[in-house]
């Protein structure tokens, strides 16, 4: 993922239900970092790398997913 828009699209693609009404990708990305969609943690002492768990109830696969992403400044 090379930018925030691609990161948000990858995050949304894992979900079985759409986010309606669909906010813009900047809002979704901010909500991801802010913990609106679950606990968001910084990993590996790198302040720009985060992980967010998506529960199996929300994913297309039915399995929980640990979504790792970078905050592009």
N, C-alpha and C. Protein backbone atom coordinates (compact mmCIF):
# COMPACT_ATOMS: atom_id res chain seq x y z
N UNK A 1 0.85 -1.16 0.00
CA UNK A 1 0.00 0.00 0.00
C UNK A 1 0.90 1.23 0.00
N UNK A 2 0.66 2.09 -0.94
CA UNK A 2 1.55 3.22 -1.13
C UNK A 2 1.03 4.54 -0.59
N UNK A 3 -0.26 4.58 -0.24
CA UNK A 3 -0.81 5.84 0.28
C UNK A 3 -2.06 5.55 1.12
N UNK A 4 -2.62 6.60 1.71
CA UNK A 4 -3.77 6.42 2.60
C UNK A 4 -4.97 5.86 1.85
N UNK A 5 -5.19 6.32 0.62
CA UNK A 5 -6.35 5.86 -0.13
C UNK A 5 -6.27 4.34 -0.40
N UNK A 6 -5.10 3.85 -0.78
CA UNK A 6 -4.92 2.41 -1.02
C UNK A 6 -5.07 1.62 0.29
N UNK A 7 -4.57 2.20 1.38
CA UNK A 7 -4.69 1.54 2.69
C UNK A 7 -6.16 1.39 3.08
N UNK A 8 -6.92 2.46 2.92
CA UNK A 8 -8.35 2.41 3.25
C UNK A 8 -9.07 1.41 2.35
N UNK A 9 -8.76 1.39 1.07
CA UNK A 9 -9.42 0.44 0.16
C UNK A 9 -9.11 -1.00 0.55
N UNK A 10 -7.87 -1.29 0.93
CA UNK A 10 -7.50 -2.64 1.37
C UNK A 10 -8.26 -3.01 2.65
N UNK A 11 -8.40 -2.05 3.55
CA UNK A 11 -9.15 -2.27 4.79
C UNK A 11 -10.62 -2.57 4.48
N UNK A 12 -11.22 -1.78 3.61
CA UNK A 12 -12.63 -1.98 3.25
C UNK A 12 -12.85 -3.30 2.51
N UNK A 13 -11.89 -3.69 1.67
CA UNK A 13 -12.02 -4.92 0.89
C UNK A 13 -12.09 -6.17 1.76
N UNK A 14 -11.57 -6.10 2.97
CA UNK A 14 -11.62 -7.24 3.88
C UNK A 14 -12.99 -7.43 4.52
N UNK A 15 -13.82 -6.41 4.51
CA UNK A 15 -15.12 -6.45 5.18
C UNK A 15 -16.20 -7.02 4.28
N UNK A 16 -17.13 -7.77 4.89
CA UNK A 16 -18.23 -8.34 4.12
C UNK A 16 -19.37 -7.34 3.91
N UNK A 17 -19.48 -6.35 4.78
CA UNK A 17 -20.52 -5.32 4.65
C UNK A 17 -19.90 -3.99 4.29
N UNK A 18 -20.62 -3.22 3.53
CA UNK A 18 -20.14 -1.89 3.15
C UNK A 18 -20.36 -0.90 4.28
N UNK A 19 -19.55 0.12 4.31
CA UNK A 19 -19.73 1.23 5.25
C UNK A 19 -20.70 2.20 4.60
N UNK A 20 -21.92 2.29 5.12
CA UNK A 20 -22.92 3.19 4.54
C UNK A 20 -23.47 4.10 5.62
N UNK A 21 -23.59 5.35 5.40
CA UNK A 21 -23.09 6.04 4.22
C UNK A 21 -21.57 6.04 4.22
N UNK A 22 -20.98 6.02 3.04
CA UNK A 22 -19.53 5.91 2.90
C UNK A 22 -18.85 7.24 3.13
N UNK A 23 -18.10 7.36 4.24
CA UNK A 23 -17.33 8.60 4.44
C UNK A 23 -16.13 8.62 3.48
N UNK A 24 -15.50 9.76 3.36
CA UNK A 24 -14.33 9.84 2.48
C UNK A 24 -13.16 9.09 3.12
N UNK A 25 -12.17 8.75 2.31
CA UNK A 25 -11.07 7.91 2.79
C UNK A 25 -10.25 8.58 3.89
N UNK A 26 -10.17 9.91 3.90
CA UNK A 26 -9.43 10.61 4.96
C UNK A 26 -10.10 10.38 6.31
N UNK A 27 -11.43 10.44 6.34
CA UNK A 27 -12.19 10.21 7.57
C UNK A 27 -12.02 8.76 8.03
N UNK A 28 -12.13 7.82 7.10
CA UNK A 28 -11.98 6.41 7.46
C UNK A 28 -10.58 6.17 8.03
N UNK A 29 -9.55 6.71 7.37
CA UNK A 29 -8.18 6.51 7.84
C UNK A 29 -8.01 7.09 9.25
N UNK A 30 -8.52 8.28 9.47
CA UNK A 30 -8.44 8.90 10.80
C UNK A 30 -9.16 8.06 11.84
N UNK A 31 -10.30 7.50 11.47
CA UNK A 31 -11.06 6.63 12.38
C UNK A 31 -10.30 5.34 12.67
N UNK A 32 -9.57 4.83 11.68
CA UNK A 32 -8.76 3.63 11.90
C UNK A 32 -7.70 3.92 12.96
N UNK A 33 -6.96 5.00 12.80
CA UNK A 33 -5.90 5.38 13.74
C UNK A 33 -6.50 5.72 15.11
N UNK A 34 -7.67 6.36 15.11
CA UNK A 34 -8.31 6.81 16.34
C UNK A 34 -9.02 5.73 17.13
N UNK A 35 -9.11 4.52 16.60
CA UNK A 35 -9.72 3.43 17.34
C UNK A 35 -11.22 3.30 17.18
N UNK A 36 -11.81 4.01 16.24
CA UNK A 36 -13.26 3.93 16.04
C UNK A 36 -13.67 2.52 15.59
N UNK A 37 -12.82 1.86 14.81
CA UNK A 37 -13.15 0.53 14.27
C UNK A 37 -12.52 -0.60 15.07
N UNK A 38 -12.05 -0.30 16.26
CA UNK A 38 -11.41 -1.30 17.11
C UNK A 38 -10.10 -0.77 17.64
N UNK A 39 -9.48 -1.55 18.52
CA UNK A 39 -8.22 -1.10 19.11
C UNK A 39 -7.12 -1.03 18.06
N UNK A 40 -6.50 0.09 17.96
CA UNK A 40 -5.40 0.32 17.02
C UNK A 40 -4.12 0.48 17.83
N UNK A 41 -3.11 -0.32 17.51
CA UNK A 41 -1.85 -0.30 18.27
C UNK A 41 -0.68 0.03 17.36
N UNK A 42 0.27 0.77 17.91
CA UNK A 42 1.54 0.99 17.21
C UNK A 42 2.40 -0.25 17.43
N UNK A 43 3.14 -0.66 16.41
CA UNK A 43 3.94 -1.88 16.51
C UNK A 43 5.40 -1.63 16.19
N UNK A 44 6.24 -2.50 16.70
CA UNK A 44 7.67 -2.53 16.39
C UNK A 44 8.39 -1.21 16.67
N UNK A 45 7.95 -0.48 17.69
CA UNK A 45 8.58 0.80 18.05
C UNK A 45 8.69 1.75 16.87
N UNK A 46 7.91 1.54 15.88
CA UNK A 46 7.88 2.41 14.71
C UNK A 46 6.59 3.21 14.82
N UNK A 47 6.69 4.48 15.04
CA UNK A 47 5.51 5.29 15.32
C UNK A 47 4.59 5.45 14.12
N UNK A 48 5.00 4.96 12.97
CA UNK A 48 4.14 5.08 11.79
C UNK A 48 3.55 3.74 11.35
N UNK A 49 3.81 2.66 12.08
CA UNK A 49 3.29 1.35 11.73
C UNK A 49 2.25 0.93 12.77
N UNK A 50 1.05 0.57 12.30
CA UNK A 50 -0.06 0.24 13.18
C UNK A 50 -0.65 -1.11 12.82
N UNK A 51 -1.39 -1.69 13.77
CA UNK A 51 -2.17 -2.89 13.49
C UNK A 51 -3.55 -2.72 14.10
N UNK A 52 -4.52 -3.28 13.41
CA UNK A 52 -5.92 -3.17 13.80
C UNK A 52 -6.56 -4.52 13.54
N UNK A 53 -7.16 -5.12 14.56
CA UNK A 53 -7.79 -6.43 14.37
C UNK A 53 -9.22 -6.25 13.87
N UNK A 54 -9.54 -7.00 12.83
CA UNK A 54 -10.89 -7.04 12.29
C UNK A 54 -11.48 -8.38 12.70
N UNK A 55 -12.59 -8.38 13.41
CA UNK A 55 -13.17 -9.62 13.91
C UNK A 55 -13.69 -10.49 12.78
N UNK A 56 -13.76 -11.77 13.04
CA UNK A 56 -14.26 -12.72 12.06
C UNK A 56 -15.70 -12.45 11.65
N UNK A 57 -16.47 -11.82 12.53
CA UNK A 57 -17.86 -11.48 12.21
C UNK A 57 -17.95 -10.43 11.11
N UNK A 58 -16.86 -9.65 10.93
CA UNK A 58 -16.87 -8.54 9.99
C UNK A 58 -16.17 -8.84 8.67
N UNK A 59 -15.38 -9.92 8.61
CA UNK A 59 -14.58 -10.18 7.41
C UNK A 59 -15.32 -11.07 6.41
N UNK A 60 -14.94 -10.94 5.15
CA UNK A 60 -15.51 -11.78 4.10
C UNK A 60 -15.17 -13.25 4.33
N UNK A 61 -13.97 -13.51 4.86
CA UNK A 61 -13.51 -14.89 5.06
C UNK A 61 -14.14 -15.54 6.29
N UNK A 62 -14.65 -14.74 7.22
CA UNK A 62 -15.18 -15.28 8.46
C UNK A 62 -14.11 -15.51 9.51
N UNK A 63 -12.87 -15.20 9.18
CA UNK A 63 -11.75 -15.34 10.11
C UNK A 63 -11.27 -13.96 10.55
N UNK A 64 -10.79 -13.86 11.80
CA UNK A 64 -10.24 -12.57 12.21
C UNK A 64 -8.99 -12.24 11.40
N UNK A 65 -8.77 -10.96 11.17
CA UNK A 65 -7.63 -10.50 10.38
C UNK A 65 -6.90 -9.43 11.18
N UNK A 66 -5.59 -9.55 11.27
CA UNK A 66 -4.77 -8.51 11.87
C UNK A 66 -4.25 -7.65 10.73
N UNK A 67 -4.84 -6.48 10.57
CA UNK A 67 -4.54 -5.57 9.46
C UNK A 67 -3.42 -4.64 9.89
N UNK A 68 -2.27 -4.72 9.22
CA UNK A 68 -1.11 -3.89 9.53
C UNK A 68 -0.97 -2.84 8.44
N UNK A 69 -0.76 -1.59 8.86
CA UNK A 69 -0.68 -0.51 7.90
C UNK A 69 0.21 0.61 8.40
N UNK A 70 0.64 1.45 7.50
CA UNK A 70 1.52 2.57 7.81
C UNK A 70 0.75 3.88 7.70
N UNK A 71 1.06 4.82 8.61
CA UNK A 71 0.48 6.16 8.54
C UNK A 71 1.37 7.01 7.66
N UNK A 72 0.88 7.32 6.47
CA UNK A 72 1.62 8.15 5.54
C UNK A 72 1.42 9.60 5.88
N UNK A 73 2.48 10.31 6.14
CA UNK A 73 2.40 11.72 6.51
C UNK A 73 2.41 12.60 5.28
